[in-house]
Amino acid sequence: MSWVQRFVRRRAAARPDAREMLTRANSLLRRRPENASPVTSRRLREIVTARGYHVRVEPDASLTGLWDGYPFRLRLAGEGQHNLSVLGTWGRTVPDELRGAVAQAVNDWNRDKIWPTVFTVTDPTGTTVRTEVHADVGAGATDRQLVELVEAGLTAGVQFFQALGGSMPAAEEP
C-alpha cells in the first residue's frame, strides 16, 4: 500500500463519505500517465487538425497555415526527422532604413525570452523576420506534449510579430 493510500484511508476514516473518497483516490492512482509515441507527419497533422486548425499539407509533408494572419510551417526536420520545427514568417519585408532597428528588436527578444528563437532572413526580395521553436522529439512525445510545443511555437511567434508590427510604420499598400 502506498503512502498516498494510507494517508487517504486515515483521513477517510474520520469522514462519513469515506467509501466514495477511497474509490476516487484509488481510481486516480490507477490512471497511467500517457505514453510517448513516435512523432510522424501524419500524427502531427492529426494533432493540429483536432485543435480546429486548417492546414495545407505540402509535398515535403510539412504543414502550412495562417495563424492570426502570419504564415507558419510545422514540420519534422533533421536527420531521421527527429526535430519538430514550428517556423513563423512575419510576412513583411523590412525597409532598408529600419534594418538596424529590427536587428535590435530581434536581439532584445532573444536576450529576454526563452522562445521563440527570432532571426532575420535576407533573400533577393529583401529581408524578413522569422521565429522558430525547435524541439527534439526523437524519443517520441505524448499528444499533450505535441499540443504544448505547437501552441508555444504559434503563440510566441504571433506575440513577437504583433510586437514588431506595432513598433513599425504601417505597411505600404502596393
C-alpha atoms as a PDB file:
ATOM      1  CA  MET A   1       0.000   0.000   0.000  1.00  0.00           C
ATOM      2  CA  SER A   2       1.424   3.391  -0.961  1.00  0.00           C
ATOM      3  CA  TRP A   3       1.788   6.278   1.443  1.00  0.00           C
ATOM      4  CA  VAL A   4      -0.928   8.114  -0.514  1.00  0.00           C
ATOM      5  CA  GLN A   5      -3.384   5.267   0.038  1.00  0.00           C
ATOM      6  CA  ARG A   6      -2.502   5.085   3.753  1.00  0.00           C
ATOM      7  CA  PHE A   7      -2.981   8.845   4.091  1.00  0.00           C
ATOM      8  CA  VAL A   8      -6.346   8.750   2.322  1.00  0.00           C
ATOM      9  CA  ARG A   9      -7.539   5.821   4.464  1.00  0.00           C
ATOM     10  CA  ARG A  10      -6.650   7.634   7.693  1.00  0.00           C
ATOM     11  CA  ARG A  11      -8.371  10.841   6.563  1.00  0.00           C
ATOM     12  CA  ALA A  12     -11.344   8.941   5.202  1.00  0.00           C
ATOM     13  CA  ALA A  13     -11.907   7.074   8.487  1.00  0.00           C
ATOM     14  CA  ALA A  14     -12.989  10.347  10.089  1.00  0.00           C
ATOM     15  CA  ARG A  15     -15.440  11.247   7.312  1.00  0.00           C
ATOM     16  CA  PRO A  16     -18.914   9.894   6.598  1.00  0.00           C
ATOM     17  CA  ASP A  17     -18.261   9.801   2.818  1.00  0.00           C
ATOM     18  CA  ALA A  18     -15.138   7.653   3.295  1.00  0.00           C
ATOM     19  CA  ARG A  19     -16.047   4.943   0.776  1.00  0.00           C
ATOM     20  CA  GLU A  20     -16.547   7.465  -2.014  1.00  0.00           C
ATOM     21  CA  MET A  21     -13.295   9.209  -1.122  1.00  0.00           C
ATOM     22  CA  LEU A  22     -11.365   5.923  -1.188  1.00  0.00           C
ATOM     23  CA  THR A  23     -12.887   4.954  -4.523  1.00  0.00           C
ATOM     24  CA  ARG A  24     -11.922   8.290  -6.069  1.00  0.00           C
ATOM     25  CA  ALA A  25      -8.383   8.144  -4.684  1.00  0.00           C
ATOM     26  CA  ASN A  26      -7.862   4.574  -5.921  1.00  0.00           C
ATOM     27  CA  SER A  27      -9.123   5.444  -9.415  1.00  0.00           C
ATOM     28  CA  LEU A  28      -6.707   8.363  -9.582  1.00  0.00           C
ATOM     29  CA  LEU A  29      -3.830   6.120  -8.543  1.00  0.00           C
ATOM     30  CA  ARG A  30      -4.723   3.555 -11.213  1.00  0.00           C
ATOM     31  CA  ARG A  31      -4.571   6.083 -14.024  1.00  0.00           C
ATOM     32  CA  ARG A  32      -1.466   5.580 -16.037  1.00  0.00           C
ATOM     33  CA  PRO A  33       0.399   8.511 -17.495  1.00  0.00           C
ATOM     34  CA  GLU A  34       0.059   8.933 -21.234  1.00  0.00           C
ATOM     35  CA  ASN A  35       2.890   7.139 -23.020  1.00  0.00           C
ATOM     36  CA  ALA A  36       5.120   8.841 -25.541  1.00  0.00           C
ATOM     37  CA  SER A  37       4.634   7.657 -29.113  1.00  0.00           C
ATOM     38  CA  PRO A  38       6.753   8.237 -32.215  1.00  0.00           C
ATOM     39  CA  VAL A  39       6.077  11.586 -33.855  1.00  0.00           C
ATOM     40  CA  THR A  40       5.207  11.334 -37.530  1.00  0.00           C
ATOM     41  CA  SER A  41       3.973  13.887 -40.033  1.00  0.00           C
ATOM     42  CA  ARG A  42       0.589  12.180 -40.019  1.00  0.00           C
ATOM     43  CA  ARG A  43       0.328  12.279 -36.233  1.00  0.00           C
ATOM     44  CA  LEU A  44       1.360  15.938 -36.198  1.00  0.00           C
ATOM     45  CA  ARG A  45      -1.356  16.715 -38.764  1.00  0.00           C
ATOM     46  CA  GLU A  46      -3.959  14.847 -36.688  1.00  0.00           C
ATOM     47  CA  ILE A  47      -2.976  16.765 -33.546  1.00  0.00           C
ATOM     48  CA  VAL A  48      -3.152  20.120 -35.331  1.00  0.00           C
ATOM     49  CA  THR A  49      -6.442  19.484 -37.123  1.00  0.00           C
ATOM     50  CA  ALA A  50      -8.012  18.113 -33.925  1.00  0.00           C
ATOM     51  CA  ARG A  51      -7.400  21.581 -32.443  1.00  0.00           C
ATOM     52  CA  GLY A  52      -9.550  23.034 -35.239  1.00  0.00           C
ATOM     53  CA  TYR A  53      -6.688  24.490 -37.252  1.00  0.00           C
ATOM     54  CA  HIS A  54      -6.850  24.488 -41.032  1.00  0.00           C
ATOM     55  CA  VAL A  55      -3.561  23.493 -42.616  1.00  0.00           C
ATOM     56  CA  ARG A  56      -2.272  22.561 -46.009  1.00  0.00           C
ATOM     57  CA  VAL A  57      -0.065  19.512 -46.424  1.00  0.00           C
ATOM     58  CA  GLU A  58       2.956  20.416 -48.537  1.00  0.00           C
ATOM     59  CA  PRO A  59       4.797  17.950 -50.809  1.00  0.00           C
ATOM     60  CA  ASP A  60       7.536  17.588 -48.165  1.00  0.00           C
ATOM     61  CA  ALA A  61       4.822  16.601 -45.608  1.00  0.00           C
ATOM     62  CA  SER A  62       5.166  19.874 -43.716  1.00  0.00           C
ATOM     63  CA  LEU A  63       2.005  21.676 -42.653  1.00  0.00           C
ATOM     64  CA  THR A  64       1.411  25.309 -43.561  1.00  0.00           C
ATOM     65  CA  GLY A  65      -1.242  27.712 -42.461  1.00  0.00           C
ATOM     66  CA  LEU A  66      -2.010  31.197 -41.229  1.00  0.00           C
ATOM     67  CA  TRP A  67      -2.273  31.981 -37.540  1.00  0.00           C
ATOM     68  CA  ASP A  68      -3.541  35.482 -36.800  1.00  0.00           C
ATOM     69  CA  GLY A  69      -2.552  36.401 -40.352  1.00  0.00           C
ATOM     70  CA  TYR A  70       1.047  35.183 -40.095  1.00  0.00           C
ATOM     71  CA  PRO A  71       2.276  32.230 -42.164  1.00  0.00           C
ATOM     72  CA  PHE A  72       3.646  29.274 -40.200  1.00  0.00           C
ATOM     73  CA  ARG A  73       5.185  25.964 -41.211  1.00  0.00           C
ATOM     74  CA  LEU A  74       5.143  22.936 -38.919  1.00  0.00           C
ATOM     75  CA  ARG A  75       7.486  20.139 -39.880  1.00  0.00           C
ATOM     76  CA  LEU A  76       9.693  17.333 -38.762  1.00  0.00           C
ATOM     77  CA  ALA A  77      13.261  18.216 -39.651  1.00  0.00           C
ATOM     78  CA  GLY A  78      16.791  16.978 -39.261  1.00  0.00           C
ATOM     79  CA  GLU A  79      18.356  13.607 -39.683  1.00  0.00           C
ATOM     80  CA  GLY A  80      15.697  10.991 -39.121  1.00  0.00           C
ATOM     81  CA  GLN A  81      13.098  13.764 -38.794  1.00  0.00           C
ATOM     82  CA  HIS A  82      13.526  13.805 -35.029  1.00  0.00           C
ATOM     83  CA  ASN A  83      13.086  17.559 -34.595  1.00  0.00           C
ATOM     84  CA  LEU A  84       9.770  19.362 -34.532  1.00  0.00           C
ATOM     85  CA  SER A  85      10.039  22.835 -36.022  1.00  0.00           C
ATOM     86  CA  VAL A  86       7.333  25.499 -35.728  1.00  0.00           C
ATOM     87  CA  LEU A  87       8.560  28.199 -38.084  1.00  0.00           C
ATOM     88  CA  GLY A  88       6.775  31.523 -38.495  1.00  0.00           C
ATOM     89  CA  THR A  89       7.366  34.279 -41.042  1.00  0.00           C
ATOM     90  CA  TRP A  90       6.488  37.902 -40.440  1.00  0.00           C
ATOM     91  CA  GLY A  91       5.143  38.302 -43.963  1.00  0.00           C
ATOM     92  CA  ARG A  92       6.536  41.809 -44.468  1.00  0.00           C
ATOM     93  CA  THR A  93       9.793  43.000 -45.950  1.00  0.00           C
ATOM     94  CA  VAL A  94      11.918  45.107 -43.638  1.00  0.00           C
ATOM     95  CA  PRO A  95      12.680  48.512 -45.215  1.00  0.00           C
ATOM     96  CA  ASP A  96      16.422  49.158 -45.564  1.00  0.00           C
ATOM     97  CA  GLU A  97      16.287  52.162 -43.239  1.00  0.00           C
ATOM     98  CA  LEU A  98      14.747  50.017 -40.453  1.00  0.00           C
ATOM     99  CA  ARG A  99      17.080  47.007 -40.616  1.00  0.00           C
ATOM    100  CA  GLY A 100      19.133  48.258 -37.658  1.00  0.00           C
ATOM    101  CA  ALA A 101      16.041  48.786 -35.510  1.00  0.00           C
ATOM    102  CA  VAL A 102      14.679  45.355 -36.448  1.00  0.00           C
ATOM    103  CA  ALA A 103      18.042  43.728 -35.673  1.00  0.00           C
ATOM    104  CA  GLN A 104      17.951  45.415 -32.250  1.00  0.00           C
ATOM    105  CA  ALA A 105      14.382  44.181 -31.627  1.00  0.00           C
ATOM    106  CA  VAL A 106      15.429  40.645 -32.602  1.00  0.00           C
ATOM    107  CA  ASN A 107      18.458  40.762 -30.294  1.00  0.00           C
ATOM    108  CA  ASP A 108      16.396  42.157 -27.418  1.00  0.00           C
ATOM    109  CA  TRP A 109      13.784  39.417 -27.810  1.00  0.00           C
ATOM    110  CA  ASN A 110      16.369  36.627 -27.956  1.00  0.00           C
ATOM    111  CA  ARG A 111      18.106  38.027 -24.885  1.00  0.00           C
ATOM    112  CA  ASP A 112      14.925  38.383 -22.815  1.00  0.00           C
ATOM    113  CA  LYS A 113      12.821  35.394 -23.924  1.00  0.00           C
ATOM    114  CA  ILE A 114      13.371  31.657 -23.981  1.00  0.00           C
ATOM    115  CA  TRP A 115      11.397  31.180 -27.174  1.00  0.00           C
ATOM    116  CA  PRO A 116      10.816  31.514 -29.965  1.00  0.00           C
ATOM    117  CA  THR A 117      14.210  32.000 -31.487  1.00  0.00           C
ATOM    118  CA  VAL A 118      13.876  35.071 -33.697  1.00  0.00           C
ATOM    119  CA  PHE A 119      16.107  35.786 -36.689  1.00  0.00           C
ATOM    120  CA  THR A 120      16.216  37.724 -39.939  1.00  0.00           C
ATOM    121  CA  VAL A 121      16.475  36.201 -43.396  1.00  0.00           C
ATOM    122  CA  THR A 122      17.666  38.083 -46.451  1.00  0.00           C
ATOM    123  CA  ASP A 123      16.967  36.852 -49.957  1.00  0.00           C
ATOM    124  CA  PRO A 124      16.672  38.570 -53.366  1.00  0.00           C
ATOM    125  CA  THR A 125      13.249  40.001 -52.413  1.00  0.00           C
ATOM    126  CA  GLY A 126      14.565  41.649 -49.221  1.00  0.00           C
ATOM    127  CA  THR A 127      14.858  40.991 -45.505  1.00  0.00           C
ATOM    128  CA  THR A 128      12.124  39.497 -43.365  1.00  0.00           C
ATOM    129  CA  VAL A 129      11.875  38.147 -39.835  1.00  0.00           C
ATOM    130  CA  ARG A 130      11.222  34.577 -38.754  1.00  0.00           C
ATOM    131  CA  THR A 131      10.523  32.816 -35.484  1.00  0.00           C
ATOM    132  CA  GLU A 132      11.175  29.206 -34.635  1.00  0.00           C
ATOM    133  CA  VAL A 133      10.532  26.815 -31.798  1.00  0.00           C
ATOM    134  CA  HIS A 134      12.584  23.690 -32.271  1.00  0.00           C
ATOM    135  CA  ALA A 135      12.232  20.563 -30.127  1.00  0.00           C
ATOM    136  CA  ASP A 136      13.833  17.128 -30.218  1.00  0.00           C
ATOM    137  CA  VAL A 137      11.046  14.549 -30.463  1.00  0.00           C
ATOM    138  CA  GLY A 138      13.266  11.624 -31.431  1.00  0.00           C
ATOM    139  CA  ALA A 139      12.284   9.705 -28.294  1.00  0.00           C
ATOM    140  CA  GLY A 140       8.616  10.322 -29.032  1.00  0.00           C
ATOM    141  CA  ALA A 141       6.102  12.609 -27.398  1.00  0.00           C
ATOM    142  CA  THR A 142       2.678  12.411 -25.831  1.00  0.00           C
ATOM    143  CA  ASP A 143      -0.264  14.119 -27.514  1.00  0.00           C
ATOM    144  CA  ARG A 144      -0.242  16.725 -24.755  1.00  0.00           C
ATOM    145  CA  GLN A 145       3.460  17.440 -25.296  1.00  0.00           C
ATOM    146  CA  LEU A 146       2.906  17.884 -29.031  1.00  0.00           C
ATOM    147  CA  VAL A 147      -0.008  20.245 -28.446  1.00  0.00           C
ATOM    148  CA  GLU A 148       2.061  22.279 -25.993  1.00  0.00           C
ATOM    149  CA  LEU A 149       5.029  22.503 -28.391  1.00  0.00           C
ATOM    150  CA  VAL A 150       2.864  23.562 -31.322  1.00  0.00           C
ATOM    151  CA  GLU A 151       0.898  26.075 -29.237  1.00  0.00           C
ATOM    152  CA  ALA A 152       4.115  27.515 -27.780  1.00  0.00           C
ATOM    153  CA  GLY A 153       5.580  27.998 -31.248  1.00  0.00           C
ATOM    154  CA  LEU A 154       2.444  29.574 -32.653  1.00  0.00           C
ATOM    155  CA  THR A 155       1.501  31.843 -29.769  1.00  0.00           C
ATOM    156  CA  ALA A 156       5.021  33.045 -29.023  1.00  0.00           C
ATOM    157  CA  GLY A 157       5.669  33.646 -32.733  1.00  0.00           C
ATOM    158  CA  VAL A 158       2.460  35.624 -33.143  1.00  0.00           C
ATOM    159  CA  GLN A 159       3.285  37.567 -29.978  1.00  0.00           C
ATOM    160  CA  PHE A 160       6.641  38.622 -31.410  1.00  0.00           C
ATOM    161  CA  PHE A 161       5.203  39.526 -34.824  1.00  0.00           C
ATOM    162  CA  GLN A 162       2.485  41.642 -33.217  1.00  0.00           C
ATOM    163  CA  ALA A 163       5.034  43.440 -31.034  1.00  0.00           C
ATOM    164  CA  LEU A 164       7.294  44.048 -34.024  1.00  0.00           C
ATOM    165  CA  GLY A 165       4.413  45.215 -36.214  1.00  0.00           C
ATOM    166  CA  GLY A 166       3.235  47.590 -33.505  1.00  0.00           C
ATOM    167  CA  SER A 167       6.635  49.279 -33.423  1.00  0.00           C
ATOM    168  CA  MET A 168       6.974  49.632 -37.222  1.00  0.00           C
ATOM    169  CA  PRO A 169       5.405  52.123 -39.599  1.00  0.00           C
ATOM    170  CA  ALA A 170       2.283  50.848 -41.341  1.00  0.00           C
ATOM    171  CA  ALA A 171       2.951  48.629 -44.335  1.00  0.00           C
ATOM    172  CA  GLU A 172       2.663  50.395 -47.658  1.00  0.00           C
ATOM    173  CA  GLU A 173      -0.060  49.038 -49.900  1.00  0.00           C
ATOM    174  CA  PRO A 174       1.038  48.230 -53.470  1.00  0.00           C
END
